[in-house]
Amino acid sequence: MPSRFFSLSISAQEYLRVYRGSARQVVVRGADGASLSFPAEHLRRFVSHDGVQGHFQLKYDASNKFVSLEKVG
C-alpha cells in the first residue's frame, strides 16, 4: 500500500478553523517533496491543547484515495 511521511505543526488556534467550518483540507509537503492533500477531519484524534504536532504516515490506495493516517513520532 503506498504511503507518504510528513511533519506537521498546527497551533490549536489554527486548528479551530476546522471546527468553525472554514478549513476542510490540509495540504502538506511530504518528506520526499510531494504535495499531499487530505480532509482535515482525519487529524481530530491527534489534536491536543497545543494543536497538532508530530510526524505522520498517510496511507492511500492505488487510486490515491485516503486509507489511513497514523502518528509515527
PDB file of N, CA and C in Angstrom:
ATOM      1  N   MET A   1       0.851  -1.174   0.000  1.00  0.00           N
ATOM      2  CA  MET A   1       0.000   0.000   0.000  1.00  0.00           C
ATOM      3  C   MET A   1       0.901   1.244   0.000  1.00  0.00           C
ATOM      4  N   PRO A   2       0.688   2.162  -0.919  1.00  0.00           N
ATOM      5  CA  PRO A   2       1.515   3.372  -0.971  1.00  0.00           C
ATOM      6  C   PRO A   2       1.322   4.237   0.280  1.00  0.00           C
ATOM      7  N   SER A   3       2.375   4.940   0.660  1.00  0.00           N
ATOM      8  CA  SER A   3       2.280   5.853   1.799  1.00  0.00           C
ATOM      9  C   SER A   3       3.287   6.980   1.644  1.00  0.00           C
ATOM     10  N   ARG A   4       3.060   8.038   2.397  1.00  0.00           N
ATOM     11  CA  ARG A   4       3.959   9.193   2.436  1.00  0.00           C
ATOM     12  C   ARG A   4       4.114   9.621   3.895  1.00  0.00           C
ATOM     13  N   PHE A   5       5.297  10.107   4.218  1.00  0.00           N
ATOM     14  CA  PHE A   5       5.582  10.620   5.548  1.00  0.00           C
ATOM     15  C   PHE A   5       5.676  12.138   5.487  1.00  0.00           C
ATOM     16  N   PHE A   6       5.218  12.796   6.563  1.00  0.00           N
ATOM     17  CA  PHE A   6       5.315  14.251   6.642  1.00  0.00           C
ATOM     18  C   PHE A   6       5.303  14.691   8.100  1.00  0.00           C
ATOM     19  N   SER A   7       5.783  15.902   8.333  1.00  0.00           N
ATOM     20  CA  SER A   7       5.741  16.521   9.658  1.00  0.00           C
ATOM     21  C   SER A   7       4.687  17.601   9.638  1.00  0.00           C
ATOM     22  N   LEU A   8       4.090  17.826  10.802  1.00  0.00           N
ATOM     23  CA  LEU A   8       3.005  18.802  10.885  1.00  0.00           C
ATOM     24  C   LEU A   8       3.087  19.560  12.196  1.00  0.00           C
ATOM     25  N   SER A   9       2.849  20.843  12.116  1.00  0.00           N
ATOM     26  CA  SER A   9       2.797  21.691  13.311  1.00  0.00           C
ATOM     27  C   SER A   9       1.688  22.719  13.099  1.00  0.00           C
ATOM     28  N   ILE A  10       0.521  22.434  13.670  1.00  0.00           N
ATOM     29  CA  ILE A  10      -0.634  23.322  13.566  1.00  0.00           C
ATOM     30  C   ILE A  10      -1.016  23.750  14.975  1.00  0.00           C
ATOM     31  N   SER A  11      -1.089  25.037  15.215  1.00  0.00           N
ATOM     32  CA  SER A  11      -1.463  25.535  16.541  1.00  0.00           C
ATOM     33  C   SER A  11      -2.930  25.224  16.828  1.00  0.00           C
ATOM     34  N   ALA A  12      -3.276  25.215  18.100  1.00  0.00           N
ATOM     35  CA  ALA A  12      -4.669  24.983  18.487  1.00  0.00           C
ATOM     36  C   ALA A  12      -5.575  26.053  17.889  1.00  0.00           C
ATOM     37  N   GLN A  13      -5.121  27.297  17.884  1.00  0.00           N
ATOM     38  CA  GLN A  13      -5.913  28.390  17.311  1.00  0.00           C
ATOM     39  C   GLN A  13      -6.163  28.166  15.826  1.00  0.00           C
ATOM     40  N   GLU A  14      -5.147  27.738  15.108  1.00  0.00           N
ATOM     41  CA  GLU A  14      -5.286  27.495  13.681  1.00  0.00           C
ATOM     42  C   GLU A  14      -6.219  26.306  13.420  1.00  0.00           C
ATOM     43  N   TYR A  15      -6.138  25.280  14.261  1.00  0.00           N
ATOM     44  CA  TYR A  15      -6.996  24.116  14.056  1.00  0.00           C
ATOM     45  C   TYR A  15      -8.465  24.430  14.332  1.00  0.00           C
ATOM     46  N   LEU A  16      -8.741  25.455  15.096  1.00  0.00           N
ATOM     47  CA  LEU A  16     -10.125  25.865  15.348  1.00  0.00           C
ATOM     48  C   LEU A  16     -10.875  26.170  14.056  1.00  0.00           C
ATOM     49  N   ARG A  17     -10.153  26.548  13.010  1.00  0.00           N
ATOM     50  CA  ARG A  17     -10.784  26.808  11.717  1.00  0.00           C
ATOM     51  C   ARG A  17     -11.518  25.578  11.204  1.00  0.00           C
ATOM     52  N   VAL A  18     -11.032  24.395  11.547  1.00  0.00           N
ATOM     53  CA  VAL A  18     -11.693  23.154  11.134  1.00  0.00           C
ATOM     54  C   VAL A  18     -13.051  23.058  11.816  1.00  0.00           C
ATOM     55  N   TYR A  19     -13.090  23.326  13.122  1.00  0.00           N
ATOM     56  CA  TYR A  19     -14.346  23.238  13.862  1.00  0.00           C
ATOM     57  C   TYR A  19     -15.338  24.307  13.428  1.00  0.00           C
ATOM     58  N   ARG A  20     -14.823  25.440  13.010  1.00  0.00           N
ATOM     59  CA  ARG A  20     -15.699  26.532  12.545  1.00  0.00           C
ATOM     60  C   ARG A  20     -16.165  26.323  11.116  1.00  0.00           C
ATOM     61  N   GLY A  21     -15.583  25.353  10.430  1.00  0.00           N
ATOM     62  CA  GLY A  21     -16.002  25.038   9.074  1.00  0.00           C
ATOM     63  C   GLY A  21     -15.294  25.806   7.978  1.00  0.00           C
ATOM     64  N   SER A  22     -14.318  26.643   8.328  1.00  0.00           N
ATOM     65  CA  SER A  22     -13.627  27.423   7.298  1.00  0.00           C
ATOM     66  C   SER A  22     -12.408  26.703   6.714  1.00  0.00           C
ATOM     67  N   ALA A  23     -12.024  25.591   7.305  1.00  0.00           N
ATOM     68  CA  ALA A  23     -10.912  24.795   6.774  1.00  0.00           C
ATOM     69  C   ALA A  23     -11.373  23.346   6.682  1.00  0.00           C
ATOM     70  N   ARG A  24     -11.291  22.782   5.501  1.00  0.00           N
ATOM     71  CA  ARG A  24     -11.733  21.400   5.311  1.00  0.00           C
ATOM     72  C   ARG A  24     -10.602  20.490   4.839  1.00  0.00           C
ATOM     73  N   GLN A  25      -9.610  21.060   4.200  1.00  0.00           N
ATOM     74  CA  GLN A  25      -8.500  20.286   3.656  1.00  0.00           C
ATOM     75  C   GLN A  25      -7.184  20.714   4.303  1.00  0.00           C
ATOM     76  N   VAL A  26      -6.286  19.765   4.437  1.00  0.00           N
ATOM     77  CA  VAL A  26      -4.926  20.029   4.887  1.00  0.00           C
ATOM     78  C   VAL A  26      -4.021  19.759   3.695  1.00  0.00           C
ATOM     79  N   VAL A  27      -3.131  20.683   3.417  1.00  0.00           N
ATOM     80  CA  VAL A  27      -2.154  20.500   2.349  1.00  0.00           C
ATOM     81  C   VAL A  27      -0.779  20.594   2.982  1.00  0.00           C
ATOM     82  N   VAL A  28       0.027  19.548   2.801  1.00  0.00           N
ATOM     83  CA  VAL A  28       1.374  19.492   3.376  1.00  0.00           C
ATOM     84  C   VAL A  28       2.360  19.024   2.315  1.00  0.00           C
ATOM     85  N   ARG A  29       3.627  19.225   2.599  1.00  0.00           N
ATOM     86  CA  ARG A  29       4.683  18.718   1.732  1.00  0.00           C
ATOM     87  C   ARG A  29       5.269  17.490   2.414  1.00  0.00           C
ATOM     88  N   GLY A  30       5.269  16.373   1.704  1.00  0.00           N
ATOM     89  CA  GLY A  30       5.803  15.131   2.244  1.00  0.00           C
ATOM     90  C   GLY A  30       7.312  15.202   2.383  1.00  0.00           C
ATOM     91  N   ALA A  31       7.863  14.252   3.118  1.00  0.00           N
ATOM     92  CA  ALA A  31       9.310  14.190   3.329  1.00  0.00           C
ATOM     93  C   ALA A  31      10.059  14.031   2.010  1.00  0.00           C
ATOM     94  N   ASP A  32       9.389  13.480   1.002  1.00  0.00           N
ATOM     95  CA  ASP A  32      10.006  13.295  -0.315  1.00  0.00           C
ATOM     96  C   ASP A  32       9.765  14.479  -1.249  1.00  0.00           C
ATOM     97  N   GLY A  33       9.106  15.535  -0.737  1.00  0.00           N
ATOM     98  CA  GLY A  33       8.848  16.731  -1.531  1.00  0.00           C
ATOM     99  C   GLY A  33       7.504  16.749  -2.227  1.00  0.00           C
ATOM    100  N   ALA A  34       6.762  15.640  -2.200  1.00  0.00           N
ATOM    101  CA  ALA A  34       5.456  15.579  -2.848  1.00  0.00           C
ATOM    102  C   ALA A  34       4.429  16.388  -2.055  1.00  0.00           C
ATOM    103  N   SER A  35       3.512  17.017  -2.738  1.00  0.00           N
ATOM    104  CA  SER A  35       2.421  17.748  -2.111  1.00  0.00           C
ATOM    105  C   SER A  35       1.298  16.766  -1.801  1.00  0.00           C
ATOM    106  N   LEU A  36       0.791  16.822  -0.559  1.00  0.00           N
ATOM    107  CA  LEU A  36      -0.269  15.921  -0.111  1.00  0.00           C
ATOM    108  C   LEU A  36      -1.467  16.733   0.341  1.00  0.00           C
ATOM    109  N   SER A  37      -2.647  16.249   0.049  1.00  0.00           N
ATOM    110  CA  SER A  37      -3.873  16.909   0.474  1.00  0.00           C
ATOM    111  C   SER A  37      -4.823  15.850   1.005  1.00  0.00           C
ATOM    112  N   PHE A  38      -5.443  16.131   2.171  1.00  0.00           N
ATOM    113  CA  PHE A  38      -6.402  15.192   2.746  1.00  0.00           C
ATOM    114  C   PHE A  38      -7.377  15.959   3.628  1.00  0.00           C
ATOM    115  N   PRO A  39      -8.555  15.373   3.910  1.00  0.00           N
ATOM    116  CA  PRO A  39      -9.553  16.054   4.737  1.00  0.00           C
ATOM    117  C   PRO A  39      -9.033  16.314   6.156  1.00  0.00           C
ATOM    118  N   ALA A  40      -9.221  17.528   6.633  1.00  0.00           N
ATOM    119  CA  ALA A  40      -8.737  17.928   7.959  1.00  0.00           C
ATOM    120  C   ALA A  40      -9.370  17.116   9.073  1.00  0.00           C
ATOM    121  N   GLU A  41     -10.547  16.572   8.855  1.00  0.00           N
ATOM    122  CA  GLU A  41     -11.229  15.790   9.884  1.00  0.00           C
ATOM    123  C   GLU A  41     -10.403  14.589  10.348  1.00  0.00           C
ATOM    124  N   HIS A  42      -9.492  14.110   9.507  1.00  0.00           N
ATOM    125  CA  HIS A  42      -8.667  12.953   9.886  1.00  0.00           C
ATOM    126  C   HIS A  42      -7.627  13.297  10.951  1.00  0.00           C
ATOM    127  N   LEU A  43      -7.446  14.581  11.235  1.00  0.00           N
ATOM    128  CA  LEU A  43      -6.494  14.992  12.275  1.00  0.00           C
ATOM    129  C   LEU A  43      -7.140  15.090  13.650  1.00  0.00           C
ATOM    130  N   ARG A  44      -8.447  15.014  13.741  1.00  0.00           N
ATOM    131  CA  ARG A  44      -9.149  15.238  15.018  1.00  0.00           C
ATOM    132  C   ARG A  44      -8.614  14.399  16.163  1.00  0.00           C
ATOM    133  N   ARG A  45      -8.299  13.159  15.910  1.00  0.00           N
ATOM    134  CA  ARG A  45      -7.843  12.299  17.019  1.00  0.00           C
ATOM    135  C   ARG A  45      -6.431  12.631  17.493  1.00  0.00           C
ATOM    136  N   PHE A  46      -5.734  13.512  16.767  1.00  0.00           N
ATOM    137  CA  PHE A  46      -4.378  13.895  17.142  1.00  0.00           C
ATOM    138  C   PHE A  46      -4.306  15.284  17.778  1.00  0.00           C
ATOM    139  N   VAL A  47      -5.446  15.946  17.937  1.00  0.00           N
ATOM    140  CA  VAL A  47      -5.468  17.313  18.477  1.00  0.00           C
ATOM    141  C   VAL A  47      -5.260  17.282  19.984  1.00  0.00           C
ATOM    142  N   SER A  48      -4.344  18.129  20.456  1.00  0.00           N
ATOM    143  CA  SER A  48      -4.110  18.310  21.890  1.00  0.00           C
ATOM    144  C   SER A  48      -4.295  19.788  22.214  1.00  0.00           C
ATOM    145  N   HIS A  49      -4.004  20.171  23.430  1.00  0.00           N
ATOM    146  CA  HIS A  49      -4.099  21.588  23.814  1.00  0.00           C
ATOM    147  C   HIS A  49      -3.139  22.455  23.006  1.00  0.00           C
ATOM    148  N   ASP A  50      -2.086  21.847  22.489  1.00  0.00           N
ATOM    149  CA  ASP A  50      -1.096  22.577  21.690  1.00  0.00           C
ATOM    150  C   ASP A  50      -1.417  22.564  20.202  1.00  0.00           C
ATOM    151  N   GLY A  51      -2.486  21.882  19.805  1.00  0.00           N
ATOM    152  CA  GLY A  51      -2.829  21.759  18.396  1.00  0.00           C
ATOM    153  C   GLY A  51      -2.462  20.379  17.893  1.00  0.00           C
ATOM    154  N   VAL A  52      -1.892  20.312  16.699  1.00  0.00           N
ATOM    155  CA  VAL A  52      -1.468  19.038  16.114  1.00  0.00           C
ATOM    156  C   VAL A  52       0.019  19.155  15.791  1.00  0.00           C
ATOM    157  N   GLN A  53       0.814  18.311  16.424  1.00  0.00           N
ATOM    158  CA  GLN A  53       2.264  18.334  16.249  1.00  0.00           C
ATOM    159  C   GLN A  53       2.764  16.916  16.036  1.00  0.00           C
ATOM    160  N   GLY A  54       3.748  16.742  15.183  1.00  0.00           N
ATOM    161  CA  GLY A  54       4.382  15.436  15.072  1.00  0.00           C
ATOM    162  C   GLY A  54       4.699  15.015  13.659  1.00  0.00           C
ATOM    163  N   HIS A  55       5.096  13.757  13.559  1.00  0.00           N
ATOM    164  CA  HIS A  55       5.429  13.124  12.287  1.00  0.00           C
ATOM    165  C   HIS A  55       4.340  12.096  12.000  1.00  0.00           C
ATOM    166  N   PHE A  56       3.902  12.047  10.753  1.00  0.00           N
ATOM    167  CA  PHE A  56       2.760  11.223  10.386  1.00  0.00           C
ATOM    168  C   PHE A  56       3.041  10.398   9.140  1.00  0.00           C
ATOM    169  N   GLN A  57       2.275   9.315   8.996  1.00  0.00           N
ATOM    170  CA  GLN A  57       2.308   8.498   7.794  1.00  0.00           C
ATOM    171  C   GLN A  57       0.893   8.467   7.224  1.00  0.00           C
ATOM    172  N   LEU A  58       0.757   8.900   5.984  1.00  0.00           N
ATOM    173  CA  LEU A  58      -0.512   8.886   5.271  1.00  0.00           C
ATOM    174  C   LEU A  58      -0.497   7.719   4.299  1.00  0.00           C
ATOM    175  N   LYS A  59      -1.467   6.811   4.433  1.00  0.00           N
ATOM    176  CA  LYS A  59      -1.577   5.680   3.520  1.00  0.00           C
ATOM    177  C   LYS A  59      -2.741   5.923   2.575  1.00  0.00           C
ATOM    178  N   TYR A  60      -2.560   5.520   1.317  1.00  0.00           N
ATOM    179  CA  TYR A  60      -3.594   5.700   0.308  1.00  0.00           C
ATOM    180  C   TYR A  60      -3.592   4.501  -0.628  1.00  0.00           C
ATOM    181  N   ASP A  61      -4.682   4.341  -1.368  1.00  0.00           N
ATOM    182  CA  ASP A  61      -4.785   3.188  -2.266  1.00  0.00           C
ATOM    183  C   ASP A  61      -4.253   3.528  -3.658  1.00  0.00           C
ATOM    184  N   ALA A  62      -4.372   2.579  -4.571  1.00  0.00           N
ATOM    185  CA  ALA A  62      -3.847   2.748  -5.929  1.00  0.00           C
ATOM    186  C   ALA A  62      -4.540   3.877  -6.691  1.00  0.00           C
ATOM    187  N   SER A  63      -5.748   4.269  -6.230  1.00  0.00           N
ATOM    188  CA  SER A  63      -6.483   5.372  -6.860  1.00  0.00           C
ATOM    189  C   SER A  63      -6.234   6.699  -6.149  1.00  0.00           C
ATOM    190  N   ASN A  64      -5.223   6.727  -5.274  1.00  0.00           N
ATOM    191  CA  ASN A  64      -4.866   7.912  -4.479  1.00  0.00           C
ATOM    192  C   ASN A  64      -5.966   8.330  -3.511  1.00  0.00           C
ATOM    193  N   LYS A  65      -6.789   7.390  -3.065  1.00  0.00           N
ATOM    194  CA  LYS A  65      -7.840   7.660  -2.088  1.00  0.00           C
ATOM    195  C   LYS A  65      -7.295   7.381  -0.691  1.00  0.00           C
ATOM    196  N   PHE A  66      -7.642   8.261   0.246  1.00  0.00           N
ATOM    197  CA  PHE A  66      -7.223   8.144   1.641  1.00  0.00           C
ATOM    198  C   PHE A  66      -7.573   6.768   2.196  1.00  0.00           C
ATOM    199  N   VAL A  67      -6.607   6.154   2.912  1.00  0.00           N
ATOM    200  CA  VAL A  67      -6.840   4.890   3.600  1.00  0.00           C
ATOM    201  C   VAL A  67      -6.702   5.095   5.105  1.00  0.00           C
ATOM    202  N   SER A  68      -5.566   5.672   5.551  1.00  0.00           N
ATOM    203  CA  SER A  68      -5.367   5.871   6.985  1.00  0.00           C
ATOM    204  C   SER A  68      -4.297   6.926   7.249  1.00  0.00           C
ATOM    205  N   LEU A  69      -4.311   7.431   8.456  1.00  0.00           N
ATOM    206  CA  LEU A  69      -3.308   8.394   8.919  1.00  0.00           C
ATOM    207  C   LEU A  69      -2.865   7.956  10.305  1.00  0.00           C
ATOM    208  N   GLU A  70      -1.570   7.794  10.471  1.00  0.00           N
ATOM    209  CA  GLU A  70      -1.008   7.360  11.754  1.00  0.00           C
ATOM    210  C   GLU A  70       0.099   8.298  12.183  1.00  0.00           C
ATOM    211  N   LYS A  71       0.165   8.543  13.472  1.00  0.00           N
ATOM    212  CA  LYS A  71       1.259   9.329  14.043  1.00  0.00           C
ATOM    213  C   LYS A  71       2.425   8.392  14.274  1.00  0.00           C
ATOM    214  N   VAL A  72       3.596   8.777  13.763  1.00  0.00           N
ATOM    215  CA  VAL A  72       4.772   7.906  13.872  1.00  0.00           C
ATOM    216  C   VAL A  72       5.877   8.541  14.720  1.00  0.00           C
ATOM    217  N   GLY A  73       5.634   9.674  15.267  1.00  0.00           N
ATOM    218  CA  GLY A  73       6.652  10.294  16.096  1.00  0.00           C
ATOM    219  C   GLY A  73       6.247  11.618  16.626  1.00  0.00           C
TER     220      GLY A  73
END
